[in-house]
Protein backbone atom coordinates (compact mmCIF):
# COMPACT_ATOMS: atom_id res chain seq x y z
CA UNK A 1 255.92 47.57 -51.83
CA UNK A 2 257.43 50.89 -53.58
CA UNK A 3 261.05 49.57 -52.28
CA UNK A 4 260.96 46.64 -53.31
CA UNK A 5 260.27 47.98 -57.16
CA UNK A 6 262.91 50.27 -56.89
CA UNK A 7 265.47 47.61 -55.58
CA UNK A 8 264.42 44.70 -57.77
CA UNK A 9 264.00 47.59 -60.97
CA UNK A 10 267.27 48.91 -59.79
CA UNK A 11 269.23 44.97 -59.95
CA UNK A 12 267.63 44.62 -63.44
CA UNK A 13 268.82 47.31 -64.86
CA UNK A 14 272.54 46.42 -63.74
CA UNK A 15 271.63 43.11 -64.95
CA UNK A 16 271.22 44.28 -68.24
CA UNK A 17 274.09 47.48 -68.61
CA UNK A 18 276.11 44.71 -67.98
CA UNK A 19 275.13 42.19 -70.53
CA UNK A 20 275.02 45.36 -73.06
CA UNK A 21 278.58 46.40 -72.36
CA UNK A 22 279.41 42.32 -73.25
CA UNK A 23 277.83 42.21 -76.80
CA UNK A 24 281.39 42.04 -79.13
CA UNK A 25 280.78 44.07 -82.24
CA UNK A 26 280.20 42.07 -85.58
CA UNK A 27 281.10 46.17 -87.57
CA UNK A 28 283.73 45.52 -89.58
CA UNK A 29 285.98 48.41 -90.45
CA UNK A 30 287.85 48.87 -93.73
CA UNK A 31 290.82 49.15 -91.01
CA UNK A 32 289.81 45.57 -90.16
CA UNK A 33 290.06 44.08 -93.91
CA UNK A 34 293.52 45.52 -94.67
CA UNK A 35 296.53 43.04 -94.25
CA UNK A 36 293.96 39.94 -94.36
CA UNK A 37 294.19 36.97 -97.15
CA UNK A 38 291.37 37.16 -99.14
CA UNK A 39 290.41 33.71 -101.87
CA UNK A 40 289.97 36.15 -105.57
CA UNK A 41 286.06 34.93 -106.36
CA UNK A 42 285.74 36.95 -110.21
CA UNK A 43 289.07 37.22 -112.28
CA UNK A 44 291.00 40.32 -112.19
CA UNK A 45 291.58 41.30 -114.83
CA UNK A 46 291.65 44.99 -114.37
CA UNK A 47 288.56 44.18 -111.90
CA UNK A 48 287.07 41.58 -110.26
CA UNK A 49 285.75 40.04 -106.72
CA UNK A 50 287.79 38.85 -103.80
CA UNK A 51 286.09 36.73 -100.18
CA UNK A 52 287.22 36.95 -96.51
CA UNK A 53 286.28 36.18 -93.16
CA UNK A 54 286.15 39.31 -90.98
CA UNK A 55 284.84 39.08 -87.64
CA UNK A 56 282.85 35.71 -88.19
CA UNK A 57 280.80 36.76 -91.55
CA UNK A 58 281.79 36.55 -95.32
CA UNK A 59 282.65 39.43 -96.75
CA UNK A 60 282.90 40.65 -100.05
CA UNK A 61 284.88 42.83 -102.23
CA UNK A 62 285.17 44.38 -106.04
CA UNK A 63 289.02 44.05 -106.18
CA UNK A 64 291.53 45.67 -108.54
CA UNK A 65 295.25 44.54 -108.42
CA UNK A 66 297.58 47.31 -106.83
CA UNK A 67 300.54 46.53 -109.95
CA UNK A 68 297.81 46.35 -112.33
CA UNK A 69 298.17 42.31 -113.02
CA UNK A 70 296.26 40.13 -113.85
CA UNK A 71 294.73 37.56 -110.64
CA UNK A 72 292.85 34.03 -111.80
CA UNK A 73 290.10 33.58 -109.41
CA UNK A 74 290.64 30.22 -106.63
CA UNK A 75 294.43 32.10 -106.11
CA UNK A 76 294.87 33.87 -102.68
CA UNK A 77 295.56 37.31 -102.90
CA UNK A 78 295.86 39.88 -99.56
CA UNK A 79 294.33 43.57 -98.64
CA UNK A 80 296.46 46.34 -99.23
CA UNK A 81 293.95 49.26 -99.11
CA UNK A 82 289.77 50.05 -99.78
CA UNK A 83 289.37 53.01 -101.59
CA UNK A 84 285.88 53.77 -101.80
CA UNK A 85 284.24 50.42 -102.87
CA UNK A 86 287.37 48.43 -104.47
CA UNK A 87 289.77 46.36 -102.75
CA UNK A 88 293.50 47.16 -103.80
CA UNK A 89 295.16 43.19 -103.54
CA UNK A 90 298.19 41.89 -104.28
CA UNK A 91 299.03 38.27 -105.14
CA UNK A 92 300.48 36.48 -101.36
């Protein structure tokens, strides 16, 4: 009985460890966002908001145009970099 319990416990541990290692990370880092296309949700003049898809999730950021120009809502942009909580974007 004891030997069977040890064997079964070892098999379960191995199976759970394998499943745990197969999980994909949904954590989104700033590096994941740089270079991504986004859509302006709130016109940028001088501050607005953009939305983009990253790792299967929609992410929104406050945004500012890197060249200081106004960008209308609905316009496609590219994330240049993120400083703090603000995405610096350029027109796509």
